[in-house]
PDB file of N, CA and C in Angstrom:
ATOM      1  N   MET A   1     -43.376  10.996  29.783  1.00  0.00           N
ATOM      2  CA  MET A   1     -42.538  10.143  28.963  1.00  0.00           C
ATOM      3  C   MET A   1     -41.092  10.324  29.398  1.00  0.00           C
ATOM      4  N   VAL A   2     -40.401   9.250  29.572  1.00  0.00           N
ATOM      5  CA  VAL A   2     -39.009   9.286  30.016  1.00  0.00           C
ATOM      6  C   VAL A   2     -38.110   9.424  28.792  1.00  0.00           C
ATOM      7  N   ASP A   3     -36.939  10.044  28.989  1.00  0.00           N
ATOM      8  CA  ASP A   3     -36.041  10.371  27.894  1.00  0.00           C
ATOM      9  C   ASP A   3     -35.288   9.160  27.345  1.00  0.00           C
ATOM     10  N   PHE A   4     -35.228   8.091  28.086  1.00  0.00           N
ATOM     11  CA  PHE A   4     -34.471   6.933  27.619  1.00  0.00           C
ATOM     12  C   PHE A   4     -35.336   5.695  27.694  1.00  0.00           C
ATOM     13  N   GLU A   5     -34.906   4.665  27.003  1.00  0.00           N
ATOM     14  CA  GLU A   5     -35.655   3.422  26.956  1.00  0.00           C
ATOM     15  C   GLU A   5     -34.840   2.348  27.652  1.00  0.00           C
ATOM     16  N   VAL A   6     -35.452   1.628  28.545  1.00  0.00           N
ATOM     17  CA  VAL A   6     -34.757   0.571  29.277  1.00  0.00           C
ATOM     18  C   VAL A   6     -34.809  -0.705  28.448  1.00  0.00           C
ATOM     19  N   ASP A   7     -33.648  -1.231  28.130  1.00  0.00           N
ATOM     20  CA  ASP A   7     -33.580  -2.476  27.369  1.00  0.00           C
ATOM     21  C   ASP A   7     -33.738  -3.649  28.318  1.00  0.00           C
ATOM     22  N   SER A   8     -34.393  -4.671  27.861  1.00  0.00           N
ATOM     23  CA  SER A   8     -34.611  -5.827  28.712  1.00  0.00           C
ATOM     24  C   SER A   8     -33.389  -6.731  28.715  1.00  0.00           C
ATOM     25  N   VAL A   9     -33.231  -7.416  29.826  1.00  0.00           N
ATOM     26  CA  VAL A   9     -32.108  -8.340  29.971  1.00  0.00           C
ATOM     27  C   VAL A   9     -32.279  -9.520  29.032  1.00  0.00           C
ATOM     28  N   SER A  10     -33.496  -9.964  28.859  1.00  0.00           N
ATOM     29  CA  SER A  10     -33.703 -11.131  27.995  1.00  0.00           C
ATOM     30  C   SER A  10     -33.326 -10.846  26.543  1.00  0.00           C
ATOM     31  N   SER A  11     -33.597  -9.650  26.055  1.00  0.00           N
ATOM     32  CA  SER A  11     -33.208  -9.348  24.672  1.00  0.00           C
ATOM     33  C   SER A  11     -31.692  -9.255  24.537  1.00  0.00           C
ATOM     34  N   PHE A  12     -31.014  -8.747  25.574  1.00  0.00           N
ATOM     35  CA  PHE A  12     -29.547  -8.724  25.533  1.00  0.00           C
ATOM     36  C   PHE A  12     -28.992 -10.145  25.553  1.00  0.00           C
ATOM     37  N   LEU A  13     -29.569 -11.005  26.388  1.00  0.00           N
ATOM     38  CA  LEU A  13     -29.089 -12.389  26.449  1.00  0.00           C
ATOM     39  C   LEU A  13     -29.329 -13.113  25.127  1.00  0.00           C
ATOM     40  N   LYS A  14     -30.444 -12.808  24.469  1.00  0.00           N
ATOM     41  CA  LYS A  14     -30.700 -13.400  23.150  1.00  0.00           C
ATOM     42  C   LYS A  14     -29.661 -12.939  22.133  1.00  0.00           C
ATOM     43  N   ALA A  15     -29.324 -11.648  22.161  1.00  0.00           N
ATOM     44  CA  ALA A  15     -28.300 -11.131  21.240  1.00  0.00           C
ATOM     45  C   ALA A  15     -26.940 -11.757  21.552  1.00  0.00           C
ATOM     46  N   TRP A  16     -26.632 -11.934  22.825  1.00  0.00           N
ATOM     47  CA  TRP A  16     -25.369 -12.550  23.240  1.00  0.00           C
ATOM     48  C   TRP A  16     -25.320 -13.995  22.764  1.00  0.00           C
ATOM     49  N   PHE A  17     -26.407 -14.734  22.969  1.00  0.00           N
ATOM     50  CA  PHE A  17     -26.464 -16.125  22.540  1.00  0.00           C
ATOM     51  C   PHE A  17     -26.323 -16.233  21.025  1.00  0.00           C
ATOM     52  N   LEU A  18     -27.004 -15.361  20.301  1.00  0.00           N
ATOM     53  CA  LEU A  18     -26.922 -15.371  18.842  1.00  0.00           C
ATOM     54  C   LEU A  18     -25.501 -15.080  18.364  1.00  0.00           C
ATOM     55  N   ALA A  19     -24.851 -14.086  18.963  1.00  0.00           N
ATOM     56  CA  ALA A  19     -23.467 -13.762  18.578  1.00  0.00           C
ATOM     57  C   ALA A  19     -22.533 -14.931  18.878  1.00  0.00           C
ATOM     58  N   THR A  20     -22.747 -15.613  20.002  1.00  0.00           N
ATOM     59  CA  THR A  20     -21.909 -16.758  20.358  1.00  0.00           C
ATOM     60  C   THR A  20     -22.099 -17.892  19.362  1.00  0.00           C
ATOM     61  N   ILE A  21     -23.341 -18.156  18.981  1.00  0.00           N
ATOM     62  CA  ILE A  21     -23.615 -19.222  18.001  1.00  0.00           C
ATOM     63  C   ILE A  21     -22.990 -18.881  16.649  1.00  0.00           C
ATOM     64  N   VAL A  22     -23.067 -17.619  16.245  1.00  0.00           N
ATOM     65  CA  VAL A  22     -22.472 -17.201  14.969  1.00  0.00           C
ATOM     66  C   VAL A  22     -20.958 -17.395  15.003  1.00  0.00           C
ATOM     67  N   ILE A  23     -20.323 -17.110  16.127  1.00  0.00           N
ATOM     68  CA  ILE A  23     -18.870 -17.272  16.235  1.00  0.00           C
ATOM     69  C   ILE A  23     -18.486 -18.750  16.136  1.00  0.00           C
ATOM     70  N   VAL A  24     -19.220 -19.618  16.823  1.00  0.00           N
ATOM     71  CA  VAL A  24     -18.922 -21.053  16.757  1.00  0.00           C
ATOM     72  C   VAL A  24     -19.189 -21.581  15.348  1.00  0.00           C
ATOM     73  N   ALA A  25     -20.257 -21.116  14.703  1.00  0.00           N
ATOM     74  CA  ALA A  25     -20.540 -21.536  13.323  1.00  0.00           C
ATOM     75  C   ALA A  25     -19.436 -21.065  12.382  1.00  0.00           C
ATOM     76  N   TYR A  26     -18.942 -19.847  12.597  1.00  0.00           N
ATOM     77  CA  TYR A  26     -17.831 -19.356  11.774  1.00  0.00           C
ATOM     78  C   TYR A  26     -16.602 -20.243  11.958  1.00  0.00           C
ATOM     79  N   ALA A  27     -16.350 -20.690  13.171  1.00  0.00           N
ATOM     80  CA  ALA A  27     -15.196 -21.564  13.418  1.00  0.00           C
ATOM     81  C   ALA A  27     -15.347 -22.868  12.649  1.00  0.00           C
ATOM     82  N   TRP A  28     -16.539 -23.427  12.654  1.00  0.00           N
ATOM     83  CA  TRP A  28     -16.768 -24.677  11.941  1.00  0.00           C
ATOM     84  C   TRP A  28     -16.610 -24.488  10.431  1.00  0.00           C
ATOM     85  N   VAL A  29     -17.184 -23.409   9.899  1.00  0.00           N
ATOM     86  CA  VAL A  29     -17.065 -23.122   8.458  1.00  0.00           C
ATOM     87  C   VAL A  29     -15.608 -22.850   8.101  1.00  0.00           C
ATOM     88  N   ASP A  30     -14.897 -22.142   8.968  1.00  0.00           N
ATOM     89  CA  ASP A  30     -13.489 -21.837   8.726  1.00  0.00           C
ATOM     90  C   ASP A  30     -12.659 -23.114   8.652  1.00  0.00           C
ATOM     91  N   LEU A  31     -12.933 -24.058   9.540  1.00  0.00           N
ATOM     92  CA  LEU A  31     -12.197 -25.326   9.511  1.00  0.00           C
ATOM     93  C   LEU A  31     -12.514 -26.117   8.247  1.00  0.00           C
ATOM     94  N   ARG A  32     -13.762 -26.092   7.815  1.00  0.00           N
ATOM     95  CA  ARG A  32     -14.151 -26.870   6.624  1.00  0.00           C
ATOM     96  C   ARG A  32     -13.609 -26.269   5.325  1.00  0.00           C
ATOM     97  N   PHE A  33     -13.497 -24.946   5.253  1.00  0.00           N
ATOM     98  CA  PHE A  33     -13.103 -24.313   3.992  1.00  0.00           C
ATOM     99  C   PHE A  33     -11.676 -23.772   3.993  1.00  0.00           C
ATOM    100  N   SER A  34     -10.885 -24.118   4.990  1.00  0.00           N
ATOM    101  CA  SER A  34      -9.471 -23.723   5.021  1.00  0.00           C
ATOM    102  C   SER A  34      -8.622 -24.978   5.073  1.00  0.00           C
ATOM    103  N   PRO A  35      -8.224 -25.494   3.926  1.00  0.00           N
ATOM    104  CA  PRO A  35      -7.489 -26.765   3.905  1.00  0.00           C
ATOM    105  C   PRO A  35      -6.118 -26.691   4.584  1.00  0.00           C
ATOM    106  N   HIS A  36      -5.544 -25.501   4.670  1.00  0.00           N
ATOM    107  CA  HIS A  36      -4.225 -25.405   5.301  1.00  0.00           C
ATOM    108  C   HIS A  36      -4.290 -25.675   6.803  1.00  0.00           C
ATOM    109  N   LEU A  37      -5.471 -25.580   7.394  1.00  0.00           N
ATOM    110  CA  LEU A  37      -5.599 -25.877   8.824  1.00  0.00           C
ATOM    111  C   LEU A  37      -5.502 -27.373   9.103  1.00  0.00           C
ATOM    112  N   ALA A  38      -5.886 -28.204   8.139  1.00  0.00           N
ATOM    113  CA  ALA A  38      -5.853 -29.653   8.328  1.00  0.00           C
ATOM    114  C   ALA A  38      -4.424 -30.185   8.402  1.00  0.00           C
ATOM    115  N   VAL A  39      -3.496 -29.508   7.757  1.00  0.00           N
ATOM    116  CA  VAL A  39      -2.105 -29.978   7.768  1.00  0.00           C
ATOM    117  C   VAL A  39      -1.260 -29.246   8.809  1.00  0.00           C
ATOM    118  N   GLU A  40      -1.835 -28.313   9.495  1.00  0.00           N
ATOM    119  CA  GLU A  40      -1.095 -27.572  10.519  1.00  0.00           C
ATOM    120  C   GLU A  40      -0.866 -28.479  11.726  1.00  0.00           C
ATOM    121  N   THR A  41       0.371 -28.488  12.204  1.00  0.00           N
ATOM    122  CA  THR A  41       0.682 -29.369  13.335  1.00  0.00           C
ATOM    123  C   THR A  41       1.013 -28.590  14.603  1.00  0.00           C
ATOM    124  N   GLY A  42       1.537 -27.382  14.479  1.00  0.00           N
ATOM    125  CA  GLY A  42       1.925 -26.620  15.669  1.00  0.00           C
ATOM    126  C   GLY A  42       0.787 -25.763  16.181  1.00  0.00           C
ATOM    127  N   PHE A  43       0.671 -25.713  17.508  1.00  0.00           N
ATOM    128  CA  PHE A  43      -0.351 -24.878  18.124  1.00  0.00           C
ATOM    129  C   PHE A  43       0.252 -24.279  19.380  1.00  0.00           C
ATOM    130  N   SER A  44       0.213 -22.953  19.446  1.00  0.00           N
ATOM    131  CA  SER A  44       0.813 -22.283  20.590  1.00  0.00           C
ATOM    132  C   SER A  44      -0.079 -21.137  21.034  1.00  0.00           C
ATOM    133  N   LEU A  45      -0.136 -20.914  22.335  1.00  0.00           N
ATOM    134  CA  LEU A  45      -0.888 -19.788  22.875  1.00  0.00           C
ATOM    135  C   LEU A  45       0.021 -18.582  23.104  1.00  0.00           C
ATOM    136  N   THR A  46       1.274 -18.709  22.731  1.00  0.00           N
ATOM    137  CA  THR A  46       2.216 -17.606  22.872  1.00  0.00           C
ATOM    138  C   THR A  46       1.917 -16.551  21.819  1.00  0.00           C
ATOM    139  N   PRO A  47       1.742 -15.290  22.238  1.00  0.00           N
ATOM    140  CA  PRO A  47       1.460 -14.234  21.253  1.00  0.00           C
ATOM    141  C   PRO A  47       2.621 -14.053  20.277  1.00  0.00           C
ATOM    142  N   ASP A  48       2.283 -13.900  19.014  1.00  0.00           N
ATOM    143  CA  ASP A  48       3.281 -13.693  17.964  1.00  0.00           C
ATOM    144  C   ASP A  48       2.724 -12.663  16.990  1.00  0.00           C
ATOM    145  N   VAL A  49       3.290 -11.465  17.022  1.00  0.00           N
ATOM    146  CA  VAL A  49       2.772 -10.374  16.189  1.00  0.00           C
ATOM    147  C   VAL A  49       2.988 -10.619  14.701  1.00  0.00           C
ATOM    148  N   THR A  50       3.937 -11.422  14.346  1.00  0.00           N
ATOM    149  CA  THR A  50       4.171 -11.681  12.928  1.00  0.00           C
ATOM    150  C   THR A  50       3.049 -12.527  12.321  1.00  0.00           C
ATOM    151  N   ARG A  51       2.289 -13.219  13.151  1.00  0.00           N
ATOM    152  CA  ARG A  51       1.189 -14.053  12.654  1.00  0.00           C
ATOM    153  C   ARG A  51      -0.171 -13.399  12.907  1.00  0.00           C
ATOM    154  N   PHE A  52      -0.199 -12.080  12.930  1.00  0.00           N
ATOM    155  CA  PHE A  52      -1.434 -11.351  13.211  1.00  0.00           C
ATOM    156  C   PHE A  52      -2.521 -11.647  12.185  1.00  0.00           C
ATOM    157  N   ALA A  53      -2.128 -11.864  10.937  1.00  0.00           N
ATOM    158  CA  ALA A  53      -3.103 -12.149   9.877  1.00  0.00           C
ATOM    159  C   ALA A  53      -3.768 -13.510  10.073  1.00  0.00           C
ATOM    160  N   ASP A  54      -3.148 -14.393  10.848  1.00  0.00           N
ATOM    161  CA  ASP A  54      -3.730 -15.715  11.093  1.00  0.00           C
ATOM    162  C   ASP A  54      -4.886 -15.691  12.082  1.00  0.00           C
ATOM    163  N   LEU A  55      -5.180 -14.532  12.651  1.00  0.00           N
ATOM    164  CA  LEU A  55      -6.290 -14.455  13.593  1.00  0.00           C
ATOM    165  C   LEU A  55      -7.637 -14.754  12.936  1.00  0.00           C
ATOM    166  N   TRP A  56      -7.731 -14.581  11.617  1.00  0.00           N
ATOM    167  CA  TRP A  56      -8.974 -14.907  10.927  1.00  0.00           C
ATOM    168  C   TRP A  56      -9.314 -16.378  11.074  1.00  0.00           C
ATOM    169  N   ASP A  57      -8.310 -17.222  11.270  1.00  0.00           N
ATOM    170  CA  ASP A  57      -8.508 -18.673  11.360  1.00  0.00           C
ATOM    171  C   ASP A  57      -8.490 -19.183  12.796  1.00  0.00           C
ATOM    172  N   TRP A  58      -8.648 -18.314  13.780  1.00  0.00           N
ATOM    173  CA  TRP A  58      -8.502 -18.760  15.169  1.00  0.00           C
ATOM    174  C   TRP A  58      -9.549 -19.806  15.553  1.00  0.00           C
ATOM    175  N   GLY A  59     -10.779 -19.636  15.109  1.00  0.00           N
ATOM    176  CA  GLY A  59     -11.827 -20.583  15.473  1.00  0.00           C
ATOM    177  C   GLY A  59     -11.608 -21.951  14.844  1.00  0.00           C
ATOM    178  N   GLY A  60     -11.298 -21.967  13.559  1.00  0.00           N
ATOM    179  CA  GLY A  60     -11.017 -23.232  12.885  1.00  0.00           C
ATOM    180  C   GLY A  60      -9.787 -23.909  13.446  1.00  0.00           C
ATOM    181  N   ARG A  61      -8.787 -23.131  13.800  1.00  0.00           N
ATOM    182  CA  ARG A  61      -7.563 -23.672  14.394  1.00  0.00           C
ATOM    183  C   ARG A  61      -7.869 -24.315  15.755  1.00  0.00           C
ATOM    184  N   LEU A  62      -8.689 -23.660  16.559  1.00  0.00           N
ATOM    185  CA  LEU A  62      -9.049 -24.230  17.856  1.00  0.00           C
ATOM    186  C   LEU A  62      -9.856 -25.519  17.692  1.00  0.00           C
ATOM    187  N   LEU A  63     -10.764 -25.550  16.725  1.00  0.00           N
ATOM    188  CA  LEU A  63     -11.517 -26.778  16.472  1.00  0.00           C
ATOM    189  C   LEU A  63     -10.614 -27.906  15.983  1.00  0.00           C
ATOM    190  N   HIS A  64      -9.676 -27.584  15.104  1.00  0.00           N
ATOM    191  CA  HIS A  64      -8.765 -28.592  14.562  1.00  0.00           C
ATOM    192  C   HIS A  64      -7.924 -29.230  15.662  1.00  0.00           C
ATOM    193  N   HIS A  65      -7.509 -28.458  16.617  1.00  0.00           N
ATOM    194  CA  HIS A  65      -6.668 -28.973  17.703  1.00  0.00           C
ATOM    195  C   HIS A  65      -7.490 -29.406  18.909  1.00  0.00           C
ATOM    196  N   ARG A  66      -8.797 -29.530  18.729  1.00  0.00           N
ATOM    197  CA  ARG A  66      -9.731 -30.016  19.751  1.00  0.00           C
ATOM    198  C   ARG A  66      -9.710 -29.197  21.041  1.00  0.00           C
ATOM    199  N   ALA A  67      -9.527 -27.911  20.908  1.00  0.00           N
ATOM    200  CA  ALA A  67      -9.574 -27.005  22.063  1.00  0.00           C
ATOM    201  C   ALA A  67     -10.990 -26.441  22.164  1.00  0.00           C
ATOM    202  N   ILE A  68     -11.941 -27.335  22.406  1.00  0.00           N
ATOM    203  CA  ILE A  68     -13.364 -26.964  22.408  1.00  0.00           C
ATOM    204  C   ILE A  68     -13.683 -26.017  23.565  1.00  0.00           C
ATOM    205  N   GLY A  69     -13.122 -26.284  24.734  1.00  0.00           N
ATOM    206  CA  GLY A  69     -13.364 -25.415  25.884  1.00  0.00           C
ATOM    207  C   GLY A  69     -12.874 -23.998  25.652  1.00  0.00           C
ATOM    208  N   LEU A  70     -11.691 -23.874  25.074  1.00  0.00           N
ATOM    209  CA  LEU A  70     -11.132 -22.563  24.778  1.00  0.00           C
ATOM    210  C   LEU A  70     -11.968 -21.836  23.721  1.00  0.00           C
ATOM    211  N   LEU A  71     -12.424 -22.582  22.726  1.00  0.00           N
ATOM    212  CA  LEU A  71     -13.293 -21.983  21.707  1.00  0.00           C
ATOM    213  C   LEU A  71     -14.603 -21.508  22.321  1.00  0.00           C
ATOM    214  N   ALA A  72     -15.193 -22.323  23.190  1.00  0.00           N
ATOM    215  CA  ALA A  72     -16.471 -21.958  23.815  1.00  0.00           C
ATOM    216  C   ALA A  72     -16.309 -20.712  24.683  1.00  0.00           C
ATOM    217  N   LEU A  73     -15.271 -20.663  25.502  1.00  0.00           N
ATOM    218  CA  LEU A  73     -15.062 -19.486  26.355  1.00  0.00           C
ATOM    219  C   LEU A  73     -14.758 -18.237  25.536  1.00  0.00           C
ATOM    220  N   ASN A  74     -13.962 -18.382  24.495  1.00  0.00           N
ATOM    221  CA  ASN A  74     -13.689 -17.244  23.617  1.00  0.00           C
ATOM    222  C   ASN A  74     -14.960 -16.769  22.922  1.00  0.00           C
ATOM    223  N   ALA A  75     -15.782 -17.711  22.476  1.00  0.00           N
ATOM    224  CA  ALA A  75     -17.026 -17.350  21.787  1.00  0.00           C
ATOM    225  C   ALA A  75     -17.986 -16.641  22.739  1.00  0.00           C
ATOM    226  N   VAL A  76     -18.066 -17.106  23.981  1.00  0.00           N
ATOM    227  CA  VAL A  76     -18.954 -16.462  24.951  1.00  0.00           C
ATOM    228  C   VAL A  76     -18.464 -15.048  25.264  1.00  0.00           C
ATOM    229  N   ALA A  77     -17.162 -14.898  25.509  1.00  0.00           N
ATOM    230  CA  ALA A  77     -16.617 -13.568  25.827  1.00  0.00           C
ATOM    231  C   ALA A  77     -16.749 -12.619  24.640  1.00  0.00           C
ATOM    232  N   LEU A  78     -16.326 -13.072  23.464  1.00  0.00           N
ATOM    233  CA  LEU A  78     -16.403 -12.223  22.282  1.00  0.00           C
ATOM    234  C   LEU A  78     -17.857 -11.958  21.890  1.00  0.00           C
ATOM    235  N   GLY A  79     -18.728 -12.937  22.081  1.00  0.00           N
ATOM    236  CA  GLY A  79     -20.139 -12.744  21.800  1.00  0.00           C
ATOM    237  C   GLY A  79     -20.759 -11.681  22.691  1.00  0.00           C
ATOM    238  N   GLY A  80     -20.361 -11.645  23.960  1.00  0.00           N
ATOM    239  CA  GLY A  80     -20.855 -10.608  24.865  1.00  0.00           C
ATOM    240  C   GLY A  80     -20.396  -9.227  24.463  1.00  0.00           C
ATOM    241  N   VAL A  81     -19.142  -9.131  24.070  1.00  0.00           N
ATOM    242  CA  VAL A  81     -18.614  -7.835  23.625  1.00  0.00           C
ATOM    243  C   VAL A  81     -19.332  -7.378  22.358  1.00  0.00           C
ATOM    244  N   ILE A  82     -19.495  -8.277  21.412  1.00  0.00           N
ATOM    245  CA  ILE A  82     -20.169  -7.926  20.157  1.00  0.00           C
ATOM    246  C   ILE A  82     -21.614  -7.527  20.421  1.00  0.00           C
ATOM    247  N   ALA A  83     -22.313  -8.274  21.279  1.00  0.00           N
ATOM    248  CA  ALA A  83     -23.710  -7.946  21.592  1.00  0.00           C
ATOM    249  C   ALA A  83     -23.811  -6.577  22.250  1.00  0.00           C
ATOM    250  N   SER A  84     -22.890  -6.260  23.149  1.00  0.00           N
ATOM    251  CA  SER A  84     -22.914  -4.951  23.812  1.00  0.00           C
ATOM    252  C   SER A  84     -22.676  -3.818  22.825  1.00  0.00           C
ATOM    253  N   VAL A  85     -21.694  -3.993  21.957  1.00  0.00           N
ATOM    254  CA  VAL A  85     -21.352  -2.949  20.987  1.00  0.00           C
ATOM    255  C   VAL A  85     -22.489  -2.749  19.984  1.00  0.00           C
ATOM    256  N   VAL A  86     -23.050  -3.832  19.479  1.00  0.00           N
ATOM    257  CA  VAL A  86     -24.121  -3.716  18.489  1.00  0.00           C
ATOM    258  C   VAL A  86     -25.356  -3.082  19.106  1.00  0.00           C
ATOM    259  N   ARG A  87     -25.728  -3.499  20.299  1.00  0.00           N
ATOM    260  CA  ARG A  87     -26.911  -2.924  20.942  1.00  0.00           C
ATOM    261  C   ARG A  87     -26.684  -1.459  21.300  1.00  0.00           C
ATOM    262  N   GLY A  88     -25.464  -1.104  21.682  1.00  0.00           N
ATOM    263  CA  GLY A  88     -25.162   0.305  21.933  1.00  0.00           C
ATOM    264  C   GLY A  88     -25.259   1.134  20.665  1.00  0.00           C
ATOM    265  N   ALA A  89     -24.737   0.595  19.565  1.00  0.00           N
ATOM    266  CA  ALA A  89     -24.806   1.317  18.288  1.00  0.00           C
ATOM    267  C   ALA A  89     -26.254   1.474  17.826  1.00  0.00           C
ATOM    268  N   VAL A  90     -27.067   0.442  18.015  1.00  0.00           N
ATOM    269  CA  VAL A  90     -28.476   0.528  17.642  1.00  0.00           C
ATOM    270  C   VAL A  90     -29.183   1.585  18.490  1.00  0.00           C
ATOM    271  N   ALA A  91     -28.855   1.648  19.777  1.00  0.00           N
ATOM    272  CA  ALA A  91     -29.470   2.655  20.655  1.00  0.00           C
ATOM    273  C   ALA A  91     -29.091   4.068  20.226  1.00  0.00           C
ATOM    274  N   VAL A  92     -27.840   4.271  19.828  1.00  0.00           N
ATOM    275  CA  VAL A  92     -27.401   5.588  19.368  1.00  0.00           C
ATOM    276  C   VAL A  92     -28.117   5.971  18.077  1.00  0.00           C
ATOM    277  N   VAL A  93     -28.234   5.029  17.161  1.00  0.00           N
ATOM    278  CA  VAL A  93     -28.918   5.305  15.894  1.00  0.00           C
ATOM    279  C   VAL A  93     -30.384   5.636  16.143  1.00  0.00           C
ATOM    280  N   ARG A  94     -31.027   4.899  17.030  1.00  0.00           N
ATOM    281  CA  ARG A  94     -32.427   5.195  17.355  1.00  0.00           C
ATOM    282  C   ARG A  94     -32.574   6.580  17.967  1.00  0.00           C
ATOM    283  N   ARG A  95     -31.649   6.929  18.847  1.00  0.00           N
ATOM    284  CA  ARG A  95     -31.718   8.234  19.497  1.00  0.00           C
ATOM    285  C   ARG A  95     -31.528   9.354  18.482  1.00  0.00           C
ATOM    286  N   VAL A  96     -30.648   9.158  17.517  1.00  0.00           N
ATOM    287  CA  VAL A  96     -30.393  10.178  16.505  1.00  0.00           C
ATOM    288  C   VAL A  96     -31.582  10.305  15.557  1.00  0.00           C
ATOM    289  N   ARG A  97     -32.257   9.214  15.266  1.00  0.00           N
ATOM    290  CA  ARG A  97     -33.345   9.233  14.297  1.00  0.00           C
ATOM    291  C   ARG A  97     -34.673   9.715  14.868  1.00  0.00           C
ATOM    292  N   THR A  98     -34.813   9.798  16.191  1.00  0.00           N
ATOM    293  CA  THR A  98     -36.086  10.253  16.751  1.00  0.00           C
ATOM    294  C   THR A  98     -36.193  11.765  16.624  1.00  0.00           C
ATOM    295  N   PRO A  99     -37.378  12.259  16.323  1.00  0.00           N
ATOM    296  CA  PRO A  99     -37.548  13.709  16.187  1.00  0.00           C
ATOM    297  C   PRO A  99     -37.408  14.411  17.542  1.00  0.00           C
ATOM    298  N   ILE A 100     -36.886  15.633  17.492  1.00  0.00           N
ATOM    299  CA  ILE A 100     -36.647  16.396  18.707  1.00  0.00           C
ATOM    300  C   ILE A 100     -37.874  17.206  19.096  1.00  0.00           C
ATOM    301  N   ASP A 101     -38.888  17.248  18.257  1.00  0.00           N
ATOM    302  CA  ASP A 101     -40.052  18.079  18.538  1.00  0.00           C
ATOM    303  C   ASP A 101     -40.898  17.589  19.713  1.00  0.00           C
ATOM    304  N   THR A 102     -40.635  16.395  20.201  1.00  0.00           N
ATOM    305  CA  THR A 102     -41.389  15.930  21.363  1.00  0.00           C
ATOM    306  C   THR A 102     -40.859  16.627  22.617  1.00  0.00           C
ATOM    307  N   PRO A 103     -41.740  17.132  23.458  1.00  0.00           N
ATOM    308  CA  PRO A 103     -41.278  17.851  24.648  1.00  0.00           C
ATOM    309  C   PRO A 103     -40.657  16.894  25.668  1.00  0.00           C
ATOM    310  N   ARG A 104     -39.608  17.348  26.290  1.00  0.00           N
ATOM    311  CA  ARG A 104     -38.942  16.560  27.323  1.00  0.00           C
ATOM    312  C   ARG A 104     -39.582  16.869  28.668  1.00  0.00           C
ATOM    313  N   ILE A 105     -39.696  15.874  29.481  1.00  0.00           N
ATOM    314  CA  ILE A 105     -40.272  16.051  30.799  1.00  0.00           C
ATOM    315  C   ILE A 105     -39.156  15.887  31.824  1.00  0.00           C
ATOM    316  N   SER A 106     -39.006  16.888  32.638  1.00  0.00           N
ATOM    317  CA  SER A 106     -37.969  16.852  33.651  1.00  0.00           C
ATOM    318  C   SER A 106     -38.504  16.201  34.916  1.00  0.00           C
ATOM    319  N   ILE A 107     -37.681  15.386  35.542  1.00  0.00           N
ATOM    320  CA  ILE A 107     -38.072  14.776  36.805  1.00  0.00           C
ATOM    321  C   ILE A 107     -37.438  15.508  37.985  1.00  0.00           C
ATOM    322  N   VAL A 108     -36.685  16.561  37.697  1.00  0.00           N
ATOM    323  CA  VAL A 108     -36.057  17.380  38.732  1.00  0.00           C
ATOM    324  C   VAL A 108     -36.917  18.614  38.932  1.00  0.00           C
ATOM    325  N   PRO A 109     -37.199  18.997  40.196  1.00  0.00           N
ATOM    326  CA  PRO A 109     -37.997  20.200  40.406  1.00  0.00           C
ATOM    327  C   PRO A 109     -37.317  21.428  39.825  1.00  0.00           C
ATOM    328  N   GLY A 110     -38.145  22.380  39.359  1.00  0.00           N
ATOM    329  CA  GLY A 110     -37.616  23.596  38.723  1.00  0.00           C
ATOM    330  C   GLY A 110     -36.791  24.465  39.652  1.00  0.00           C
ATOM    331  N   SER A 111     -37.233  24.655  40.874  1.00  0.00           N
ATOM    332  CA  SER A 111     -36.514  25.533  41.790  1.00  0.00           C
ATOM    333  C   SER A 111     -36.338  24.813  43.116  1.00  0.00           C
ATOM    334  N   THR A 112     -35.108  24.787  43.569  1.00  0.00           N
ATOM    335  CA  THR A 112     -34.824  24.143  44.840  1.00  0.00           C
ATOM    336  C   THR A 112     -34.366  25.150  45.892  1.00  0.00           C
ATOM    337  N   SER A 113     -34.374  26.448  45.543  1.00  0.00           N
ATOM    338  CA  SER A 113     -33.911  27.445  46.510  1.00  0.00           C
ATOM    339  C   SER A 113     -35.011  27.754  47.522  1.00  0.00           C
ATOM    340  N   ILE A 114     -34.574  28.118  48.695  1.00  0.00           N
ATOM    341  CA  ILE A 114     -35.502  28.465  49.773  1.00  0.00           C
ATOM    342  C   ILE A 114     -35.721  29.971  49.746  1.00  0.00           C
ATOM    343  N   PRO A 115     -36.972  30.429  49.735  1.00  0.00           N
ATOM    344  CA  PRO A 115     -37.217  31.881  49.685  1.00  0.00           C
ATOM    345  C   PRO A 115     -36.769  32.536  51.009  1.00  0.00           C
ATOM    346  N   PRO A 116     -36.359  33.810  50.930  1.00  0.00           N
ATOM    347  CA  PRO A 116     -35.907  34.478  52.152  1.00  0.00           C
ATOM    348  C   PRO A 116     -37.088  34.691  53.106  1.00  0.00           C
ATOM    349  N   PRO A 117     -36.793  34.752  54.395  1.00  0.00           N
ATOM    350  CA  PRO A 117     -37.888  34.955  55.365  1.00  0.00           C
ATOM    351  C   PRO A 117     -38.529  36.323  55.211  1.00  0.00           C
ATOM    352  N   ALA A 118     -39.806  36.396  55.496  1.00  0.00           N
ATOM    353  CA  ALA A 118     -40.543  37.663  55.392  1.00  0.00           C
ATOM    354  C   ALA A 118     -40.164  38.578  56.553  1.00  0.00           C
ATOM    355  N   PRO A 119     -40.022  39.922  56.317  1.00  0.00           N
ATOM    356  CA  PRO A 119     -39.633  40.838  57.410  1.00  0.00           C
ATOM    357  C   PRO A 119     -40.729  41.132  58.396  1.00  0.00           C
TER     358      PRO A 119
END
């Protein structure tokens, strides 16, 4: 039995796709339930630390200003990061919850030294 479990690429891609869809759905819901976005006229990609709290509305803001490509690329990138972090956290939790009483099997030979020549 090997000490680690190999995750499949298809399950990671499914998690990535799901996270991306959730982000786009959040953007749509944010636009529908945030009336202040409908009257917003200015849109800038210049970073502004004073508007840090407005990041919650980034998806709805991008949809309102018809920046669909930017929303899609942001959702794909952020979805990949979220999928990686969540799957890593799940792997750590699984590793912590497994009992240690199972014996580990080493794939490295026990002794690699060469015995001295006989006299």
